[in-house]
């Protein structure tokens, strides 16, 4: 059986499974659509949360970024993992105890203000739409290679599948679909990693293989990788960029990812689905276990992918003898069709010169410039082909990449749908809407959100993990501070919360747009991909942490200069923090 047919069968089977689950678990009420009727078992919710959390950025882009950035790429691991711990310990149990369906609903009630709820809806939609762009991009990348269609066609197919199971099932259907997607994606991620670790180091555990000896030479794998990349003019894989601006950016970027993670609505709402507060804590623990299976494997996948890539181009282990383009590996030919890898023979010698500009060997041999362009997003998906693994493994990775992207996309779209139907339509414009009408509004909202996300996914601002990083910055600057102040302080009032969220949102969005050059006419994007014109050299992906600090500061000073928080709100905050049963704060 040829590879295309096998890919089609495996991916088609997983899609049929997702749609079948959605039909079986179709939501029949708003409680089922928004929170699965609060009846999800903690272990089941932990697995669904892990799938919701491990997006296309985690599955497809994270290892690719670490492979290229080396040590500096560890910010993704530290930020995303640390942020989940913050969410599990500081926010999830208290928000579950409050007993509402959505994050804006909590903010509106805690800060006794419809305006605060509206601003929270705006912040949620901006962050979630930005995030979902990355997922749709990942869907297009996976489809374009494995089902041999255009990226745009892949986006349309992915959107149709999400529409079928998310609009039908709501949170109830999405929960059980995400359990299936987690099983698919973690299997697809770990099996190739085990194979490749065995090939390169003889160790079947990738995390241990990373620190084992590289079999062909007998030297430590990371030492071998450092040797190869430095010969090609790249910085040592295991060293940090010593520039002060790089250190500042890595610190702020890690912090932005951490607090952005803790403020992501699509992850928070997963903890609204369990019966009790104690179940929220238990499911958070299980989710961390399920997440760790991938995150402990990702650094090994990244390093081994980078080494395999370089060995493909320099099969003799030396930069002096790059492979001839006509003798390039089959995996390069396959991915060239997608446009995600390309070759430009600058010096006309017919060989692939892949190196960092300014490399000593390039100057010695008179090379005209780097000739191979490799999109970071393809490294994980191409890894099985690079390592010549069996065809069924390649098909499994295709299904896994799509499962990762679709699971998170569904969670994000549900968060957007809930904000529109529950917080805007029911909470502000039509409080007397019937349950049936609200359920229909929720489904229509999700359909519109899918259409918008697909349109934006056709021209995303950066590759998948970069786009996602911007979404984390927006969540960090807006939602996280409001939730923290709402739970852990009684002094922040309605005006302070609204002013803080708006300050964080406006500052972060304007900074990102200026830094990326999106305010300028095409062709004059003078700030794009640089740190020139930025605030103290801070990159757009790291500015969320500064936006969060601004949010806290503005909320504090505005609250100090306006009316004190009412006594009944202070009592509400106290009741949320008292360790009693779920819903004691609001009788839910």
Protein backbone atom coordinates (compact mmCIF):
# COMPACT_ATOMS: atom_id res chain seq x y z
CA UNK A 1 0.00 0.00 0.00
CA UNK A 2 1.42 3.40 -0.96
CA UNK A 3 2.04 6.13 1.63
CA UNK A 4 -0.74 8.41 0.43
CA UNK A 5 -3.40 5.71 0.72
CA UNK A 6 -2.18 4.70 4.16
CA UNK A 7 -2.24 8.33 5.33
CA UNK A 8 -5.75 8.71 3.99
CA UNK A 9 -6.97 5.59 5.78
CA UNK A 10 -5.43 6.44 9.16
CA UNK A 11 -6.45 10.12 9.13
CA UNK A 12 -9.91 9.25 7.80
CA UNK A 13 -10.41 6.65 10.54
CA UNK A 14 -9.54 9.15 13.27
CA UNK A 15 -11.87 11.76 11.78
CA UNK A 16 -14.69 9.22 11.65
CA UNK A 17 -14.01 8.42 15.31
CA UNK A 18 -14.21 12.09 16.34
CA UNK A 19 -17.44 12.71 14.46
CA UNK A 20 -18.95 9.47 15.80
CA UNK A 21 -18.18 10.50 19.37
CA UNK A 22 -19.75 13.92 18.78
CA UNK A 23 -22.95 12.34 17.49
CA UNK A 24 -23.02 9.96 20.47
CA UNK A 25 -22.38 12.77 22.97
CA UNK A 26 -24.48 15.47 21.33
CA UNK A 27 -25.31 18.32 23.70
CA UNK A 28 -29.02 18.69 24.41
CA UNK A 29 -28.89 21.61 26.85
CA UNK A 30 -26.80 24.69 27.57
CA UNK A 31 -25.33 22.97 30.66
CA UNK A 32 -24.08 20.15 28.42
CA UNK A 33 -22.91 22.55 25.71
CA UNK A 34 -20.93 24.83 28.04
CA UNK A 35 -19.77 22.46 30.83
CA UNK A 36 -20.73 18.86 29.91
CA UNK A 37 -23.35 19.08 32.68
CA UNK A 38 -20.48 19.09 35.22
CA UNK A 39 -20.33 15.31 35.07
CA UNK A 40 -16.86 14.52 33.69
CA UNK A 41 -14.64 12.14 35.69
CA UNK A 42 -11.39 13.79 36.91
CA UNK A 43 -9.11 11.37 35.01
CA UNK A 44 -11.16 11.77 31.84
CA UNK A 45 -11.06 15.53 32.27
CA UNK A 46 -7.30 15.39 32.88
CA UNK A 47 -6.76 13.60 29.59
CA UNK A 48 -9.12 15.95 27.74
CA UNK A 49 -7.35 18.94 29.30
CA UNK A 50 -4.00 17.62 28.14
CA UNK A 51 -5.31 17.32 24.57
CA UNK A 52 -6.87 20.78 24.80
CA UNK A 53 -3.57 22.12 26.10
CA UNK A 54 -1.18 20.35 23.70
CA UNK A 55 -1.95 22.26 20.57
CA UNK A 56 -0.38 22.32 17.15
CA UNK A 57 2.24 24.56 18.73
CA UNK A 58 3.18 21.81 21.22
CA UNK A 59 3.00 18.91 18.77
CA UNK A 60 4.23 20.51 15.55
CA UNK A 61 6.09 23.73 16.32
CA UNK A 62 7.64 23.45 19.78
CA UNK A 63 10.22 20.79 18.95
CA UNK A 64 10.93 22.58 15.66
CA UNK A 65 11.63 25.80 17.54
CA UNK A 66 13.84 24.06 20.10
CA UNK A 67 15.65 22.31 17.25
CA UNK A 68 16.52 25.67 15.69
CA UNK A 69 16.94 27.80 18.84
CA UNK A 70 18.56 25.20 21.07
CA UNK A 71 18.87 26.36 24.67
CA UNK A 72 16.85 29.53 24.04
CA UNK A 73 13.93 27.39 22.88
CA UNK A 74 13.62 25.94 26.38
CA UNK A 75 11.57 29.04 27.24
CA UNK A 76 8.60 27.30 25.62
CA UNK A 77 8.98 24.27 27.87
CA UNK A 78 9.49 26.29 31.05
CA UNK A 79 6.79 28.84 30.29
CA UNK A 80 4.04 26.48 29.21
CA UNK A 81 4.67 23.89 31.92
CA UNK A 82 5.13 26.45 34.69
CA UNK A 83 2.01 28.28 33.58
CA UNK A 84 -0.07 25.15 33.80
CA UNK A 85 1.11 24.65 37.39
CA UNK A 86 0.07 28.23 38.18
CA UNK A 87 -3.34 27.59 36.65
CA UNK A 88 -3.83 24.32 38.55
CA UNK A 89 -2.79 25.71 41.93
CA UNK A 90 -3.93 29.34 41.89
CA UNK A 91 -6.97 29.61 39.64
CA UNK A 92 -8.77 26.42 38.61
CA UNK A 93 -10.14 25.26 42.00
CA UNK A 94 -11.43 28.72 42.93
CA UNK A 95 -13.03 29.35 39.57
CA UNK A 96 -14.72 25.96 39.71
CA UNK A 97 -15.99 26.75 43.17
CA UNK A 98 -17.53 29.97 41.90
CA UNK A 99 -19.80 27.78 39.81
CA UNK A 100 -20.18 29.74 36.56
CA UNK A 101 -19.90 28.66 32.92
CA UNK A 102 -17.43 31.20 31.50
CA UNK A 103 -14.45 33.34 32.53
CA UNK A 104 -16.14 36.66 31.60
CA UNK A 105 -19.12 35.67 33.76
CA UNK A 106 -16.82 35.30 36.78
CA UNK A 107 -15.16 38.66 36.05
CA UNK A 108 -18.54 40.37 35.61
CA UNK A 109 -19.92 39.02 38.91
CA UNK A 110 -16.73 39.48 40.93
CA UNK A 111 -16.28 43.08 39.80
CA UNK A 112 -20.06 43.72 39.92
CA UNK A 113 -19.99 45.29 36.48
CA UNK A 114 -21.53 44.43 33.09
CA UNK A 115 -18.79 46.60 31.58
CA UNK A 116 -16.10 44.43 33.16
CA UNK A 117 -17.81 41.37 31.71
CA UNK A 118 -17.94 42.99 28.26
CA UNK A 119 -14.26 43.97 28.37
CA UNK A 120 -13.40 40.41 29.47
CA UNK A 121 -15.34 39.09 26.47
CA UNK A 122 -13.34 41.36 24.14
CA UNK A 123 -10.04 40.25 25.70
CA UNK A 124 -11.07 36.59 25.48
CA UNK A 125 -12.06 36.84 21.84
CA UNK A 126 -8.88 38.70 20.82
CA UNK A 127 -6.61 36.17 22.60
CA UNK A 128 -8.57 33.10 21.51
CA UNK A 129 -8.88 34.14 17.86
CA UNK A 130 -5.14 34.84 17.76
CA UNK A 131 -4.48 31.44 19.30
CA UNK A 132 -6.79 29.55 16.98
CA UNK A 133 -4.93 31.00 13.95
CA UNK A 134 -1.93 28.89 14.99
CA UNK A 135 -4.06 25.77 15.19
CA UNK A 136 -5.55 26.29 11.75
CA UNK A 137 -2.05 26.93 10.39
CA UNK A 138 -0.94 23.60 11.86
CA UNK A 139 -3.89 21.85 10.24
CA UNK A 140 -2.95 23.31 6.86
CA UNK A 141 0.71 22.25 7.23
CA UNK A 142 -0.19 18.67 8.13
CA UNK A 143 -2.80 18.32 5.39
CA UNK A 144 -0.61 19.86 2.71
CA UNK A 145 2.06 17.22 3.13
CA UNK A 146 0.30 14.03 4.11
CA UNK A 147 -2.86 14.30 2.02
CA UNK A 148 -1.05 16.13 -0.78
CA UNK A 149 -3.41 19.07 -1.00
CA UNK A 150 -2.90 22.84 -0.93
CA UNK A 151 -2.56 24.42 2.51
CA UNK A 152 -5.81 26.32 1.93
CA UNK A 153 -7.64 23.10 1.03
CA UNK A 154 -6.30 21.50 4.20
CA UNK A 155 -7.63 24.40 6.23
CA UNK A 156 -11.08 23.99 4.74
CA UNK A 157 -11.13 20.24 5.46
CA UNK A 158 -9.97 20.78 9.06
CA UNK A 159 -12.58 23.49 9.60
CA UNK A 160 -15.31 21.18 8.31
CA UNK A 161 -14.29 18.40 10.71
CA UNK A 162 -14.19 20.78 13.70
CA UNK A 163 -17.57 22.15 12.67
CA UNK A 164 -19.13 18.71 12.65
CA UNK A 165 -18.01 17.58 16.08
CA UNK A 166 -17.77 20.89 17.97
CA UNK A 167 -21.04 22.44 16.85
CA UNK A 168 -22.91 19.19 17.44
CA UNK A 169 -21.37 18.12 20.73
CA UNK A 170 -20.40 21.31 22.52
CA UNK A 171 -18.31 20.73 25.65
CA UNK A 172 -19.84 17.30 26.15
CA UNK A 173 -18.85 16.06 22.70
CA UNK A 174 -15.53 17.92 22.70
CA UNK A 175 -14.53 16.36 26.03
CA UNK A 176 -14.76 12.77 24.84
CA UNK A 177 -13.40 13.65 21.41
CA UNK A 178 -10.36 15.19 23.10
CA UNK A 179 -9.77 11.99 25.07
CA UNK A 180 -9.55 10.11 21.77
CA UNK A 181 -7.37 12.86 20.30
CA UNK A 182 -4.98 12.69 23.24
CA UNK A 183 -4.49 8.96 22.74
CA UNK A 184 -3.83 9.52 19.04
CA UNK A 185 -1.44 12.44 19.48
CA UNK A 186 0.64 11.02 22.35
CA UNK A 187 1.02 7.71 20.51
CA UNK A 188 1.97 9.52 17.32
CA UNK A 189 4.54 11.64 19.17
CA UNK A 190 6.24 8.99 21.29
CA UNK A 191 6.51 6.06 18.85
CA UNK A 192 8.70 7.92 16.29
CA UNK A 193 10.72 9.38 19.16
CA UNK A 194 11.41 5.88 20.51
CA UNK A 195 12.46 4.63 17.06
CA UNK A 196 14.77 7.57 16.45
CA UNK A 197 16.30 7.40 19.93
CA UNK A 198 17.07 3.74 19.35
CA UNK A 199 18.63 4.52 15.97
CA UNK A 200 20.86 7.32 17.22
CA UNK A 201 21.72 6.24 20.77
CA UNK A 202 20.46 2.70 21.34
CA UNK A 203 18.31 3.97 24.23
CA UNK A 204 14.53 3.43 23.80
CA UNK A 205 13.63 6.28 26.19
CA UNK A 206 14.04 9.55 24.24
CA UNK A 207 14.56 11.70 27.33
CA UNK A 208 17.48 9.50 28.39
CA UNK A 209 18.71 9.11 24.83
CA UNK A 210 19.24 12.87 24.70
CA UNK A 211 22.02 12.44 27.27
CA UNK A 212 23.40 9.19 25.83
CA UNK A 213 26.20 8.61 23.33
CA UNK A 214 25.66 9.13 19.61
CA UNK A 215 26.08 5.60 18.23
CA UNK A 216 28.02 6.34 14.97
CA UNK A 217 30.81 8.25 16.76
CA UNK A 218 30.54 7.15 20.39
CA UNK A 219 30.56 10.74 21.68
CA UNK A 220 27.67 12.31 23.66
CA UNK A 221 24.80 13.18 21.34
CA UNK A 222 24.63 16.82 22.46
CA UNK A 223 28.40 17.19 22.08
CA UNK A 224 28.13 15.83 18.54
CA UNK A 225 25.31 18.23 17.76
CA UNK A 226 27.29 21.18 19.15
CA UNK A 227 30.23 20.21 16.97
CA UNK A 228 28.15 20.00 13.81
CA UNK A 229 26.22 23.25 14.27
CA UNK A 230 29.29 25.30 15.19
CA UNK A 231 31.09 24.04 12.08
CA UNK A 232 28.21 25.51 10.08
CA UNK A 233 28.42 28.87 11.83
CA UNK A 234 25.47 28.42 14.20
CA UNK A 235 25.75 29.10 17.93
CA UNK A 236 26.30 26.07 20.16
CA UNK A 237 23.05 24.18 20.57
CA UNK A 238 23.35 24.02 24.36
CA UNK A 239 24.46 27.64 24.92
CA UNK A 240 22.38 30.71 25.59
CA UNK A 241 22.61 33.88 23.53
CA UNK A 242 24.77 36.06 25.82
CA UNK A 243 23.46 39.40 24.57
CA UNK A 244 21.72 41.37 27.37
CA UNK A 245 18.66 41.97 25.18
CA UNK A 246 18.39 38.21 24.53
CA UNK A 247 18.54 37.43 28.27
CA UNK A 248 15.88 40.04 29.03
CA UNK A 249 13.65 38.77 26.23
CA UNK A 250 13.98 35.15 27.30
CA UNK A 251 13.08 36.02 30.89
CA UNK A 252 10.07 38.14 29.93
CA UNK A 253 9.00 35.65 27.26
CA UNK A 254 9.05 32.76 29.75
CA UNK A 255 7.03 34.84 32.24
CA UNK A 256 4.61 35.87 29.50
CA UNK A 257 4.03 32.23 28.53
CA UNK A 258 3.54 31.23 32.18
CA UNK A 259 0.93 33.80 33.13
CA UNK A 260 -0.60 33.66 29.66
CA UNK A 261 -1.11 29.93 30.11
CA UNK A 262 -2.83 30.52 33.44
CA UNK A 263 -5.15 33.01 31.75
CA UNK A 264 -6.19 30.94 28.75
CA UNK A 265 -10.01 30.64 28.84
CA UNK A 266 -10.22 27.44 26.80
CA UNK A 267 -8.10 25.61 29.39
CA UNK A 268 -9.81 27.21 32.39
CA UNK A 269 -13.29 26.17 31.26
CA UNK A 270 -12.22 22.53 31.26
CA UNK A 271 -12.22 22.69 35.07
CA UNK A 272 -15.87 23.80 35.04
CA UNK A 273 -16.84 20.32 33.79
CA UNK A 274 -16.04 18.27 36.93
CA UNK A 275 -18.56 17.68 39.75
CA UNK A 276 -16.60 19.12 42.71
CA UNK A 277 -13.74 21.46 43.62
CA UNK A 278 -11.66 18.49 44.76
CA UNK A 279 -12.20 16.94 41.34
CA UNK A 280 -10.80 20.08 39.71
CA UNK A 281 -7.59 19.65 41.70
CA UNK A 282 -7.38 15.92 40.92
CA UNK A 283 -7.99 16.44 37.20
CA UNK A 284 -5.29 19.15 37.17
CA UNK A 285 -2.82 16.64 38.59
CA UNK A 286 -3.73 14.01 36.02
CA UNK A 287 -3.51 16.56 33.21
CA UNK A 288 0.03 17.43 34.32
CA UNK A 289 0.98 13.74 34.14
CA UNK A 290 -0.47 13.40 30.63
CA UNK A 291 1.20 16.64 29.49
CA UNK A 292 4.56 15.57 30.91
CA UNK A 293 4.62 12.50 28.63
CA UNK A 294 5.00 14.81 25.63
CA UNK A 295 6.95 17.64 27.21
CA UNK A 296 9.67 15.35 28.57
CA UNK A 297 10.04 13.87 25.08
CA UNK A 298 10.08 17.13 23.10
CA UNK A 299 13.70 18.20 23.84
CA UNK A 300 14.99 14.83 22.62
CA UNK A 301 12.83 15.00 19.49
CA UNK A 302 14.18 18.50 18.79
CA UNK A 303 17.87 17.65 19.17
CA UNK A 304 17.58 14.41 17.20
CA UNK A 305 15.60 16.09 14.43
CA UNK A 306 18.27 18.79 14.09
CA UNK A 307 21.06 16.21 13.96
CA UNK A 308 19.18 14.04 11.45
CA UNK A 309 18.53 17.07 9.25
CA UNK A 310 22.21 18.02 9.17
CA UNK A 311 23.32 14.43 8.59
CA UNK A 312 20.95 14.30 5.60
CA UNK A 313 22.67 17.30 4.00
CA UNK A 314 26.21 16.43 5.11
CA UNK A 315 26.21 12.59 5.03
CA UNK A 316 29.97 12.36 5.49
CA UNK A 317 29.80 14.30 8.73
CA UNK A 318 31.72 17.30 7.42
CA UNK A 319 30.52 20.64 6.11
CA UNK A 320 33.09 20.45 3.32
CA UNK A 321 31.08 17.79 1.45
CA UNK A 322 27.41 18.82 1.17
CA UNK A 323 25.16 16.49 -0.80
CA UNK A 324 24.34 17.21 -4.43
CA UNK A 325 20.83 18.57 -4.93
CA UNK A 326 19.97 15.86 -7.46
CA UNK A 327 20.91 13.25 -4.82
CA UNK A 328 18.74 14.83 -2.12
CA UNK A 329 16.75 12.55 0.15
CA UNK A 330 13.21 11.53 -0.73
CA UNK A 331 11.82 13.38 2.29
CA UNK A 332 13.17 16.66 0.90
CA UNK A 333 11.52 15.95 -2.46
CA UNK A 334 8.23 15.18 -0.67
CA UNK A 335 8.23 18.36 1.38
CA UNK A 336 9.34 20.58 -1.51
CA UNK A 337 5.91 20.03 -3.01
CA UNK A 338 4.37 21.89 -0.06
CA UNK A 339 6.69 24.89 -0.42
CA UNK A 340 7.75 24.51 3.21
CA UNK A 341 11.28 23.57 2.19
CA UNK A 342 13.05 25.11 -0.78
CA UNK A 343 16.48 25.20 -2.45
CA UNK A 344 18.12 28.10 -4.27
CA UNK A 345 21.45 27.23 -5.90
CA UNK A 346 23.17 30.58 -5.35
CA UNK A 347 26.64 29.55 -6.52
CA UNK A 348 25.50 27.17 -9.27
CA UNK A 349 27.52 24.14 -8.08
CA UNK A 350 24.49 21.87 -7.73
CA UNK A 351 25.17 21.16 -4.04
CA UNK A 352 23.15 22.15 -0.97
CA UNK A 353 24.99 24.68 1.17
CA UNK A 354 23.06 24.92 4.45
CA UNK A 355 24.78 27.10 7.05
CA UNK A 356 24.58 30.30 9.08
CA UNK A 357 25.68 33.47 7.34
CA UNK A 358 29.26 34.35 8.23
CA UNK A 359 30.40 30.77 8.82
CA UNK A 360 34.16 30.41 8.44
CA UNK A 361 33.85 27.49 6.02
CA UNK A 362 31.60 29.58 3.74
CA UNK A 363 34.21 32.29 3.51
CA UNK A 364 36.97 29.75 2.88
CA UNK A 365 35.11 28.01 0.07
CA UNK A 366 33.51 31.10 -1.47
CA UNK A 367 29.90 30.10 -0.92
CA UNK A 368 27.37 32.75 -1.88
CA UNK A 369 24.87 32.25 0.95
CA UNK A 370 22.59 29.74 2.62
CA UNK A 371 20.74 27.79 -0.09
CA UNK A 372 18.21 25.73 1.88
CA UNK A 373 15.13 27.22 3.55
CA UNK A 374 13.39 24.91 6.03
CA UNK A 375 10.15 25.89 7.77
CA UNK A 376 10.46 25.06 11.46
CA UNK A 377 6.96 23.61 11.53
CA UNK A 378 7.89 20.61 9.37
CA UNK A 379 10.64 19.09 11.51
CA UNK A 380 8.42 16.97 13.76
CA UNK A 381 6.14 15.93 10.90
CA UNK A 382 9.10 15.08 8.66
CA UNK A 383 11.12 13.35 11.39
CA UNK A 384 9.87 9.81 10.61
CA UNK A 385 10.74 10.29 6.92
CA UNK A 386 14.15 11.75 7.74
CA UNK A 387 14.87 8.68 9.90
CA UNK A 388 13.43 6.24 7.29
CA UNK A 389 10.79 4.88 9.67
CA UNK A 390 7.97 2.57 8.48
CA UNK A 391 5.09 4.00 6.48
CA UNK A 392 2.54 3.38 9.24
CA UNK A 393 4.56 5.59 11.60
CA UNK A 394 4.42 8.45 9.08
CA UNK A 395 0.65 8.02 8.79
CA UNK A 396 0.33 7.98 12.57
CA UNK A 397 2.29 11.24 12.89
CA UNK A 398 -0.03 12.83 10.35
CA UNK A 399 -3.05 11.82 12.43
CA UNK A 400 -1.33 12.99 15.61
CA UNK A 401 -0.50 16.44 14.26
CA UNK A 402 -4.07 16.91 13.11
CA UNK A 403 -5.44 15.63 16.45
CA UNK A 404 -3.30 18.17 18.34
CA UNK A 405 -4.44 21.07 16.19
CA UNK A 406 -8.11 20.10 16.09
CA UNK A 407 -8.41 19.38 19.83
CA UNK A 408 -7.16 22.83 20.83
CA UNK A 409 -9.07 24.55 18.04
CA UNK A 410 -12.30 23.00 19.34
CA UNK A 411 -11.60 24.18 22.90
CA UNK A 412 -10.82 27.71 21.72
CA UNK A 413 -13.90 27.87 19.54
CA UNK A 414 -16.05 26.70 22.44
CA UNK A 415 -14.60 29.47 24.65
CA UNK A 416 -15.38 32.03 21.94
CA UNK A 417 -18.86 30.60 21.42
CA UNK A 418 -19.63 30.71 25.15
CA UNK A 419 -18.44 34.30 25.41
CA UNK A 420 -20.66 35.40 22.54
CA UNK A 421 -23.81 33.40 23.33
CA UNK A 422 -23.72 33.33 27.14
CA UNK A 423 -21.93 36.57 28.02
CA UNK A 424 -22.99 38.85 25.18
CA UNK A 425 -26.35 37.60 23.92
CA UNK A 426 -27.80 36.24 27.18
CA UNK A 427 -25.80 38.35 29.63
CA UNK A 428 -26.18 41.72 27.91
CA UNK A 429 -28.54 41.90 24.94
CA UNK A 430 -31.29 39.33 25.63
CA UNK A 431 -31.37 38.14 29.27
CA UNK A 432 -34.74 36.43 28.76
CA UNK A 433 -33.63 34.23 25.88
CA UNK A 434 -34.89 30.65 26.18
CA UNK A 435 -32.47 27.78 26.78
CA UNK A 436 -33.22 26.44 23.31
CA UNK A 437 -32.55 29.88 21.83
CA UNK A 438 -29.29 30.21 23.73
CA UNK A 439 -28.17 26.76 22.58
CA UNK A 440 -28.89 27.72 18.97
CA UNK A 441 -27.04 31.02 19.47
CA UNK A 442 -24.06 29.10 20.86
CA UNK A 443 -23.94 26.82 17.82
CA UNK A 444 -24.26 29.72 15.38
CA UNK A 445 -21.54 31.61 17.26
CA UNK A 446 -19.22 28.64 16.97
CA UNK A 447 -19.91 28.28 13.25
CA UNK A 448 -19.07 31.97 12.69
CA UNK A 449 -15.93 31.63 14.82
CA UNK A 450 -14.80 28.65 12.72
CA UNK A 451 -15.30 30.65 9.52
CA UNK A 452 -13.32 33.62 10.87
CA UNK A 453 -10.52 31.39 12.19
CA UNK A 454 -10.24 29.65 8.82
CA UNK A 455 -10.04 32.95 6.98
CA UNK A 456 -7.33 34.24 9.31
CA UNK A 457 -5.49 30.92 9.13
CA UNK A 458 -4.99 31.40 5.40
CA UNK A 459 -2.56 34.27 6.10
CA UNK A 460 -1.25 33.90 9.66
CA UNK A 461 1.19 36.37 11.27
CA UNK A 462 4.11 33.96 11.67
CA UNK A 463 4.42 30.21 11.88
CA UNK A 464 2.26 28.29 14.34
CA UNK A 465 4.14 28.63 17.64
CA UNK A 466 4.98 32.30 17.02
CA UNK A 467 1.32 33.12 16.48
CA UNK A 468 0.40 31.17 19.59
CA UNK A 469 3.06 33.05 21.59
CA UNK A 470 1.33 36.33 20.71
CA UNK A 471 -1.97 34.90 21.97
CA UNK A 472 -0.32 33.97 25.27
CA UNK A 473 0.95 37.53 25.58
CA UNK A 474 -2.55 38.90 25.12
CA UNK A 475 -3.99 36.51 27.73
CA UNK A 476 -1.15 37.39 30.10
CA UNK A 477 -1.76 41.12 29.80
CA UNK A 478 -5.54 41.01 30.18
CA UNK A 479 -7.25 37.97 31.67
CA UNK A 480 -4.67 36.60 34.11
CA UNK A 481 -4.33 39.80 36.20
CA UNK A 482 -8.12 40.19 36.40
CA UNK A 483 -8.53 36.61 37.63
CA UNK A 484 -5.72 36.88 40.18
CA UNK A 485 -7.01 40.16 41.57
CA UNK A 486 -10.56 38.85 41.52
CA UNK A 487 -9.68 35.83 43.64
CA UNK A 488 -6.90 37.03 45.94
CA UNK A 489 -7.73 40.66 46.74
CA UNK A 490 -10.84 42.44 47.99
CA UNK A 491 -9.63 45.97 47.26
CA UNK A 492 -9.75 46.01 43.43
CA UNK A 493 -13.07 47.47 42.37
CA UNK A 494 -15.03 47.53 39.13
CA UNK A 495 -13.38 50.65 37.72
CA UNK A 496 -9.89 49.36 38.54
CA UNK A 497 -10.53 46.00 36.87
CA UNK A 498 -11.92 47.59 33.70
CA UNK A 499 -9.12 50.15 33.48
CA UNK A 500 -6.46 47.47 34.08
CA UNK A 501 -7.77 45.11 31.40
CA UNK A 502 -8.12 47.89 28.85
CA UNK A 503 -4.63 49.21 29.61
CA UNK A 504 -3.11 45.74 29.24
CA UNK A 505 -5.04 44.99 26.05
CA UNK A 506 -4.39 48.30 24.27
CA UNK A 507 -0.72 48.45 25.25
CA UNK A 508 -0.01 44.85 24.19
CA UNK A 509 -1.97 44.94 20.92
CA UNK A 510 -0.51 48.28 19.83
CA UNK A 511 3.02 47.20 20.73
CA UNK A 512 2.68 43.91 18.83
CA UNK A 513 1.32 45.64 15.74
CA UNK A 514 3.99 48.33 15.77
CA UNK A 515 6.78 45.84 16.42
CA UNK A 516 5.66 43.48 13.67
CA UNK A 517 5.06 46.31 11.20
CA UNK A 518 1.36 45.55 10.68
CA UNK A 519 0.42 49.24 10.88
CA UNK A 520 2.46 50.02 7.77
CA UNK A 521 1.78 49.72 4.06
CA UNK A 522 3.07 46.39 2.65
CA UNK A 523 6.65 46.78 1.57
CA UNK A 524 7.52 49.23 4.37
CA UNK A 525 7.36 46.89 7.36
CA UNK A 526 10.48 48.36 8.87
CA UNK A 527 9.98 46.79 12.30
CA UNK A 528 9.09 43.28 11.13
CA UNK A 529 11.25 40.49 12.62
CA UNK A 530 13.59 42.99 14.31
CA UNK A 531 13.81 44.64 17.68
CA UNK A 532 14.60 48.08 16.26
CA UNK A 533 12.12 50.71 17.42
CA UNK A 534 11.05 48.53 20.37
CA UNK A 535 10.80 49.32 24.08
CA UNK A 536 14.19 48.50 25.63
CA UNK A 537 14.69 45.86 22.94
CA UNK A 538 11.69 43.79 24.10
CA UNK A 539 10.29 41.57 21.35
CA UNK A 540 6.58 41.39 20.63
CA UNK A 541 6.30 37.80 21.88
CA UNK A 542 7.68 38.85 25.31
CA UNK A 543 5.66 42.03 25.83
CA UNK A 544 2.73 40.24 27.49
CA UNK A 545 4.58 40.18 30.82
CA UNK A 546 5.02 43.97 30.68
CA UNK A 547 1.34 44.35 29.75
CA UNK A 548 0.40 42.28 32.81
CA UNK A 549 2.48 44.50 35.09
CA UNK A 550 0.77 47.55 33.59
CA UNK A 551 -2.64 45.91 34.15
CA UNK A 552 -1.89 45.27 37.84
CA UNK A 553 -0.54 48.79 38.36
CA UNK A 554 -3.42 50.60 36.63
CA UNK A 555 -6.03 48.48 38.44
CA UNK A 556 -4.42 49.23 41.81
CA UNK A 557 -4.11 53.00 41.37
CA UNK A 558 -7.57 53.44 39.84
CA UNK A 559 -9.13 51.38 42.64
CA UNK A 560 -7.30 53.45 45.27
CA UNK A 561 -8.64 56.68 43.80
CA UNK A 562 -12.28 55.56 43.40
CA UNK A 563 -15.06 54.08 45.55
CA UNK A 564 -14.24 51.15 47.81
CA UNK A 565 -15.36 47.61 46.90
CA UNK A 566 -18.85 46.93 48.38
CA UNK A 567 -19.03 44.71 51.47
CA UNK A 568 -21.07 41.99 49.75
CA UNK A 569 -18.33 41.62 47.11
CA UNK A 570 -15.70 41.33 49.83
CA UNK A 571 -17.79 38.56 51.39
CA UNK A 572 -18.09 36.91 47.97
CA UNK A 573 -14.30 36.91 47.54
CA UNK A 574 -13.90 35.45 51.03
CA UNK A 575 -16.45 32.70 50.34
CA UNK A 576 -14.67 31.70 47.12
CA UNK A 577 -11.45 31.12 49.05
CA UNK A 578 -13.05 29.19 51.92
CA UNK A 579 -12.31 25.46 51.32
CA UNK A 580 -15.88 24.19 51.21
CA UNK A 581 -17.93 22.47 48.47
CA UNK A 582 -18.34 23.61 44.89
CA UNK A 583 -20.73 26.44 44.27
CA UNK A 584 -20.99 27.76 47.83
CA UNK A 585 -20.15 31.23 46.59
CA UNK A 586 -23.08 31.48 44.19
CA UNK A 587 -25.28 28.48 44.97
CA UNK A 588 -24.12 26.58 41.85
